[in-house]
C-alpha atoms as a PDB file:
ATOM      1  CA  MET A   1     103.814 115.412 139.813  1.00  0.00           C
ATOM      2  CA  LEU A   2     103.589 115.833 136.062  1.00  0.00           C
ATOM      3  CA  SER A   3     106.491 114.534 134.025  1.00  0.00           C
ATOM      4  CA  PRO A   4     107.662 116.194 130.799  1.00  0.00           C
ATOM      5  CA  VAL A   5     105.894 114.924 127.693  1.00  0.00           C
ATOM      6  CA  HIS A   6     108.142 113.644 124.936  1.00  0.00           C
ATOM      7  CA  PRO A   7     107.604 115.801 121.839  1.00  0.00           C
ATOM      8  CA  THR A   8     105.900 114.462 118.754  1.00  0.00           C
ATOM      9  CA  TYR A   9     107.025 115.849 115.435  1.00  0.00           C
ATOM     10  CA  ALA A  10     104.951 116.517 112.337  1.00  0.00           C
ATOM     11  CA  SER A  11     105.323 114.213 109.363  1.00  0.00           C
ATOM     12  CA  VAL A  12     105.406 115.427 105.765  1.00  0.00           C
ATOM     13  CA  GLU A  13     105.150 111.980 104.183  1.00  0.00           C
ATOM     14  CA  ASN A  14     101.560 112.431 103.011  1.00  0.00           C
ATOM     15  CA  ILE A  15     101.997 115.856 101.453  1.00  0.00           C
ATOM     16  CA  PHE A  16     101.091 115.829  97.778  1.00  0.00           C
ATOM     17  CA  SER A  17     103.859 115.872  95.179  1.00  0.00           C
ATOM     18  CA  SER A  18     102.951 115.676  91.510  1.00  0.00           C
ATOM     19  CA  PRO A  19     104.289 112.616  89.646  1.00  0.00           C
ATOM     20  CA  PHE A  20     104.804 114.955  86.694  1.00  0.00           C
ATOM     21  CA  LEU A  21     107.457 117.052  88.442  1.00  0.00           C
ATOM     22  CA  PRO A  22     110.429 117.006  86.036  1.00  0.00           C
ATOM     23  CA  ASP A  23     113.781 115.582  87.014  1.00  0.00           C
ATOM     24  CA  ALA A  24     117.043 117.084  85.724  1.00  0.00           C
ATOM     25  CA  SER A  25     117.111 115.082  82.477  1.00  0.00           C
ATOM     26  CA  ARG A  26     113.480 115.968  81.673  1.00  0.00           C
ATOM     27  CA  ARG A  27     114.208 119.687  82.245  1.00  0.00           C
ATOM     28  CA  ILE A  28     117.209 119.523  79.905  1.00  0.00           C
ATOM     29  CA  GLU A  29     115.126 117.734  77.258  1.00  0.00           C
ATOM     30  CA  LEU A  30     112.356 120.319  77.478  1.00  0.00           C
ATOM     31  CA  SER A  31     114.835 123.201  77.381  1.00  0.00           C
ATOM     32  CA  ASN A  32     116.424 121.802  74.203  1.00  0.00           C
ATOM     33  CA  LEU A  33     113.028 121.346  72.534  1.00  0.00           C
ATOM     34  CA  LEU A  34     112.038 124.918  73.317  1.00  0.00           C
ATOM     35  CA  ARG A  35     115.374 126.367  72.271  1.00  0.00           C
ATOM     36  CA  ASN A  36     115.478 124.425  68.983  1.00  0.00           C
ATOM     37  CA  ASN A  37     111.776 124.884  68.249  1.00  0.00           C
ATOM     38  CA  THR A  38     111.399 121.164  67.471  1.00  0.00           C
ATOM     39  CA  ILE A  39     108.572 118.679  68.033  1.00  0.00           C
ATOM     40  CA  PRO A  40     109.270 115.834  70.461  1.00  0.00           C
ATOM     41  CA  PRO A  41     109.460 112.356  68.888  1.00  0.00           C
ATOM     42  CA  ASP A  42     106.904 111.094  71.436  1.00  0.00           C
ATOM     43  CA  PRO A  43     104.645 113.913  72.684  1.00  0.00           C
ATOM     44  CA  SER A  44     102.518 111.648  74.947  1.00  0.00           C
ATOM     45  CA  TYR A  45     104.311 112.720  78.151  1.00  0.00           C
ATOM     46  CA  PHE A  46     103.839 116.418  77.392  1.00  0.00           C
ATOM     47  CA  ARG A  47     100.128 115.860  76.607  1.00  0.00           C
ATOM     48  CA  ALA A  48      99.712 113.987  79.879  1.00  0.00           C
ATOM     49  CA  VAL A  49     101.270 116.888  81.806  1.00  0.00           C
ATOM     50  CA  VAL A  50      98.969 119.444  80.183  1.00  0.00           C
ATOM     51  CA  MET A  51      95.837 117.281  80.546  1.00  0.00           C
ATOM     52  CA  SER A  52      96.468 116.503  84.215  1.00  0.00           C
ATOM     53  CA  ALA A  53      97.562 120.036  85.172  1.00  0.00           C
ATOM     54  CA  HIS A  54      94.139 121.172  86.449  1.00  0.00           C
ATOM     55  CA  TRP A  55      93.797 118.333  88.957  1.00  0.00           C
ATOM     56  CA  GLU A  56      97.444 118.525  89.950  1.00  0.00           C
ATOM     57  CA  PHE A  57      96.962 122.211  90.841  1.00  0.00           C
ATOM     58  CA  VAL A  58      93.784 121.322  92.764  1.00  0.00           C
ATOM     59  CA  ARG A  59      95.769 118.821  94.837  1.00  0.00           C
ATOM     60  CA  TYR A  60      98.477 121.412  95.471  1.00  0.00           C
ATOM     61  CA  ARG A  61      95.900 124.010  96.561  1.00  0.00           C
ATOM     62  CA  ILE A  62      94.282 121.536  98.955  1.00  0.00           C
ATOM     63  CA  ASP A  63      97.575 120.572 100.585  1.00  0.00           C
ATOM     64  CA  ILE A  64      98.817 124.175 100.698  1.00  0.00           C
ATOM     65  CA  ARG A  65      95.586 125.249 102.436  1.00  0.00           C
ATOM     66  CA  THR A  66      95.887 122.334 104.879  1.00  0.00           C
ATOM     67  CA  LEU A  67      99.501 123.222 105.659  1.00  0.00           C
ATOM     68  CA  LYS A  68      98.674 126.927 106.078  1.00  0.00           C
ATOM     69  CA  ASN A  69      95.923 126.025 108.547  1.00  0.00           C
ATOM     70  CA  ALA A  70      98.325 123.724 110.386  1.00  0.00           C
ATOM     71  CA  LEU A  71     100.964 126.485 110.472  1.00  0.00           C
ATOM     72  CA  GLU A  72      98.469 129.034 111.844  1.00  0.00           C
ATOM     73  CA  SER A  73      97.398 126.523 114.483  1.00  0.00           C
ATOM     74  CA  LEU A  74     101.022 125.835 115.456  1.00  0.00           C
ATOM     75  CA  LEU A  75     101.856 129.551 115.667  1.00  0.00           C
ATOM     76  CA  SER A  76      98.800 130.146 117.841  1.00  0.00           C
ATOM     77  CA  GLU A  77      99.686 127.220 120.116  1.00  0.00           C
ATOM     78  CA  ARG A  78     103.276 128.437 120.410  1.00  0.00           C
ATOM     79  CA  GLU A  79     102.080 131.912 121.425  1.00  0.00           C
ATOM     80  CA  ILE A  80      99.781 130.401 124.066  1.00  0.00           C
ATOM     81  CA  PHE A  81     102.616 128.200 125.326  1.00  0.00           C
ATOM     82  CA  GLU A  82     105.046 131.155 125.481  1.00  0.00           C
ATOM     83  CA  ARG A  83     102.561 133.065 127.660  1.00  0.00           C
ATOM     84  CA  HIS A  84     102.038 129.953 129.786  1.00  0.00           C
ATOM     85  CA  VAL A  85     105.796 129.507 130.333  1.00  0.00           C
ATOM     86  CA  ALA A  86     106.144 133.195 131.253  1.00  0.00           C
ATOM     87  CA  GLN A  87     103.281 132.917 133.758  1.00  0.00           C
ATOM     88  CA  CYS A  88     104.724 129.718 135.261  1.00  0.00           C
ATOM     89  CA  SER A  89     108.105 131.465 135.620  1.00  0.00           C
ATOM     90  CA  SER A  90     106.379 134.414 137.258  1.00  0.00           C
ATOM     91  CA  VAL A  91     104.666 132.120 139.774  1.00  0.00           C
ATOM     92  CA  LEU A  92     108.113 130.821 140.788  1.00  0.00           C
ATOM     93  CA  ALA A  93     109.699 134.309 141.042  1.00  0.00           C
ATOM     94  CA  PRO A  94     111.506 134.865 144.388  1.00  0.00           C
ATOM     95  CA  VAL A  95     109.804 138.247 144.869  1.00  0.00           C
ATOM     96  CA  ARG A  96     106.544 136.393 145.567  1.00  0.00           C
ATOM     97  CA  SER A  97     108.011 134.962 148.764  1.00  0.00           C
ATOM     98  CA  LEU A  98     109.059 138.324 150.227  1.00  0.00           C
ATOM     99  CA  PRO A  99     107.260 139.138 153.494  1.00  0.00           C
ATOM    100  CA  SER A 100     104.965 142.169 153.516  1.00  0.00           C
ATOM    101  CA  GLU A 101     107.316 143.994 155.888  1.00  0.00           C
ATOM    102  CA  ILE A 102     110.181 143.798 153.379  1.00  0.00           C
ATOM    103  CA  LEU A 103     107.904 144.943 150.558  1.00  0.00           C
ATOM    104  CA  VAL A 104     106.810 147.950 152.626  1.00  0.00           C
ATOM    105  CA  GLU A 105     110.499 148.859 153.102  1.00  0.00           C
ATOM    106  CA  ILE A 106     111.031 148.637 149.337  1.00  0.00           C
ATOM    107  CA  PHE A 107     107.938 150.739 148.665  1.00  0.00           C
ATOM    108  CA  THR A 108     109.114 153.299 151.223  1.00  0.00           C
ATOM    109  CA  TYR A 109     112.488 153.491 149.478  1.00  0.00           C
ATOM    110  CA  SER A 110     110.724 154.213 146.181  1.00  0.00           C
ATOM    111  CA  LEU A 111     109.423 157.412 147.782  1.00  0.00           C
ATOM    112  CA  THR A 112     112.955 158.593 148.617  1.00  0.00           C
ATOM    113  CA  THR A 113     114.199 158.284 145.023  1.00  0.00           C
ATOM    114  CA  ASN A 114     111.932 161.118 143.967  1.00  0.00           C
ATOM    115  CA  GLU A 115     113.380 162.588 140.822  1.00  0.00           C
ATOM    116  CA  SER A 116     114.692 159.489 139.044  1.00  0.00           C
ATOM    117  CA  PHE A 117     111.601 157.419 139.769  1.00  0.00           C
ATOM    118  CA  GLU A 118     109.178 160.203 138.955  1.00  0.00           C
ATOM    119  CA  ARG A 119     110.854 160.831 135.624  1.00  0.00           C
ATOM    120  CA  TRP A 120     110.424 157.132 134.863  1.00  0.00           C
ATOM    121  CA  VAL A 121     106.822 157.151 136.045  1.00  0.00           C
ATOM    122  CA  GLU A 122     105.933 160.437 134.370  1.00  0.00           C
ATOM    123  CA  PRO A 123     108.063 161.181 131.264  1.00  0.00           C
ATOM    124  CA  PRO A 124     109.440 164.714 130.773  1.00  0.00           C
ATOM    125  CA  ARG A 125     106.931 165.393 127.984  1.00  0.00           C
ATOM    126  CA  SER A 126     104.060 165.030 130.463  1.00  0.00           C
ATOM    127  CA  SER A 127     102.045 168.174 131.151  1.00  0.00           C
ATOM    128  CA  THR A 128     101.451 167.091 134.760  1.00  0.00           C
ATOM    129  CA  PRO A 129     103.244 169.490 137.149  1.00  0.00           C
ATOM    130  CA  GLU A 130     105.945 167.815 139.246  1.00  0.00           C
ATOM    131  CA  HIS A 131     104.384 168.812 142.551  1.00  0.00           C
ATOM    132  CA  LEU A 132     101.178 166.970 141.558  1.00  0.00           C
ATOM    133  CA  ILE A 133     103.198 163.875 140.665  1.00  0.00           C
ATOM    134  CA  ARG A 134     104.778 163.976 144.131  1.00  0.00           C
ATOM    135  CA  LEU A 135     101.446 164.681 145.840  1.00  0.00           C
ATOM    136  CA  ALA A 136      99.820 161.761 144.039  1.00  0.00           C
ATOM    137  CA  LYS A 137     102.763 159.542 145.034  1.00  0.00           C
ATOM    138  CA  SER A 138     102.882 158.262 141.482  1.00  0.00           C
ATOM    139  CA  ALA A 139     105.639 155.803 142.359  1.00  0.00           C
ATOM    140  CA  LEU A 140     103.328 154.011 144.797  1.00  0.00           C
ATOM    141  CA  LEU A 141     100.399 154.102 142.397  1.00  0.00           C
ATOM    142  CA  ILE A 142     102.497 152.511 139.653  1.00  0.00           C
ATOM    143  CA  LEU A 143     103.765 149.811 142.025  1.00  0.00           C
ATOM    144  CA  SER A 144     100.217 149.156 143.229  1.00  0.00           C
ATOM    145  CA  ARG A 145      99.270 148.088 139.698  1.00  0.00           C
ATOM    146  CA  VAL A 146     101.798 145.236 139.613  1.00  0.00           C
ATOM    147  CA  CYS A 147      99.441 142.756 141.290  1.00  0.00           C
ATOM    148  CA  CYS A 148      96.509 142.532 143.716  1.00  0.00           C
ATOM    149  CA  SER A 149      98.819 141.653 146.596  1.00  0.00           C
ATOM    150  CA  TRP A 150     100.995 144.744 146.129  1.00  0.00           C
ATOM    151  CA  HIS A 151      97.895 146.885 145.694  1.00  0.00           C
ATOM    152  CA  SER A 152      96.486 145.623 149.003  1.00  0.00           C
ATOM    153  CA  ILE A 153      99.778 146.200 150.822  1.00  0.00           C
ATOM    154  CA  ILE A 154     100.299 149.707 149.416  1.00  0.00           C
ATOM    155  CA  MET A 155      96.728 150.873 149.945  1.00  0.00           C
ATOM    156  CA  GLY A 156      96.540 149.164 153.341  1.00  0.00           C
ATOM    157  CA  THR A 157      99.770 150.593 154.805  1.00  0.00           C
ATOM    158  CA  PRO A 158      99.004 154.084 156.198  1.00  0.00           C
ATOM    159  CA  SER A 159     102.684 154.838 156.908  1.00  0.00           C
ATOM    160  CA  LEU A 160     103.345 154.996 153.160  1.00  0.00           C
ATOM    161  CA  TRP A 161     100.926 157.920 152.861  1.00  0.00           C
ATOM    162  CA  THR A 162     101.796 160.011 155.919  1.00  0.00           C
ATOM    163  CA  SER A 163     104.285 162.277 154.140  1.00  0.00           C
ATOM    164  CA  VAL A 164     102.356 164.783 152.047  1.00  0.00           C
ATOM    165  CA  GLU A 165     103.954 167.554 149.985  1.00  0.00           C
ATOM    166  CA  VAL A 166     101.573 170.326 148.941  1.00  0.00           C
ATOM    167  CA  ASN A 167     102.590 173.275 146.764  1.00  0.00           C
ATOM    168  CA  PHE A 168     100.133 176.144 147.240  1.00  0.00           C
ATOM    169  CA  ASP A 169     101.896 178.430 144.759  1.00  0.00           C
ATOM    170  CA  GLU A 170      99.696 177.315 141.876  1.00  0.00           C
ATOM    171  CA  TRP A 171      96.386 176.950 143.693  1.00  0.00           C
ATOM    172  CA  PHE A 172      95.241 180.193 142.073  1.00  0.00           C
ATOM    173  CA  ARG A 173      94.634 178.076 138.954  1.00  0.00           C
ATOM    174  CA  PRO A 174      91.244 176.360 139.479  1.00  0.00           C
ATOM    175  CA  SER A 175      92.189 173.164 137.626  1.00  0.00           C
ATOM    176  CA  ILE A 176      95.384 172.744 139.677  1.00  0.00           C
ATOM    177  CA  ALA A 177      93.536 173.563 142.904  1.00  0.00           C
ATOM    178  CA  ARG A 178      90.859 170.933 142.200  1.00  0.00           C
ATOM    179  CA  ARG A 179      93.402 168.248 141.351  1.00  0.00           C
ATOM    180  CA  SER A 180      95.599 169.123 144.332  1.00  0.00           C
ATOM    181  CA  ALA A 181      92.647 169.048 146.731  1.00  0.00           C
ATOM    182  CA  ALA A 182      91.478 165.670 145.396  1.00  0.00           C
ATOM    183  CA  LEU A 183      94.971 164.181 145.690  1.00  0.00           C
ATOM    184  CA  PHE A 184      95.397 165.629 149.188  1.00  0.00           C
ATOM    185  CA  ARG A 185      92.076 164.113 150.310  1.00  0.00           C
ATOM    186  CA  ALA A 186      93.097 160.740 148.833  1.00  0.00           C
ATOM    187  CA  ALA A 187      96.419 160.836 150.709  1.00  0.00           C
ATOM    188  CA  LEU A 188      94.640 161.706 153.985  1.00  0.00           C
ATOM    189  CA  ALA A 189      92.171 158.857 153.491  1.00  0.00           C
ATOM    190  CA  ARG A 190      94.983 156.361 152.843  1.00  0.00           C
ATOM    191  CA  ALA A 191      96.998 157.623 155.839  1.00  0.00           C
ATOM    192  CA  LYS A 192      93.917 156.934 158.004  1.00  0.00           C
ATOM    193  CA  SER A 193      94.590 157.929 161.617  1.00  0.00           C
ATOM    194  CA  SER A 194      98.386 158.000 161.271  1.00  0.00           C
ATOM    195  CA  ALA A 195     100.114 161.272 162.045  1.00  0.00           C
ATOM    196  CA  LEU A 196     101.221 163.237 158.982  1.00  0.00           C
END
């Protein structure tokens, strides 16, 4: 069995920091010189700052790029790890240990909660007529997309498809008639030889 790995933390010791960064006293000195419009007694430090500025900025750019790449890599790894943790949690979910018989009972119950479940499956804005939603058994079709196992159980359990509700009132509309006929045939095929 794998044991947890002790985390290793990033170090920032080698990140570039310019030796010319001013401390508090240097900032005060520079502020006074600028405010009083005076020349420093010894301008060598200020010349050194100006002369080295190009290479100091190059070093900063290099380290900033390196850190940005490291940050992008860390963010990507964290996203992968988050998905991995979620998948591992899913593998351990209690619902995976439910016997097929219990799942069939749950799926059957979903068919008895018509209105509330159908409104969740097919929002009110949908243009699909309610009788087609019921004929298609949308609740079962949605549940069958959860995983391969549920799909196999739902499509392989004829008793879930033996109750068929057909509304002939709108069959005068060719598009509704075609869709209704196709859904009815699908329900008959899934019910197999079971009595409707």
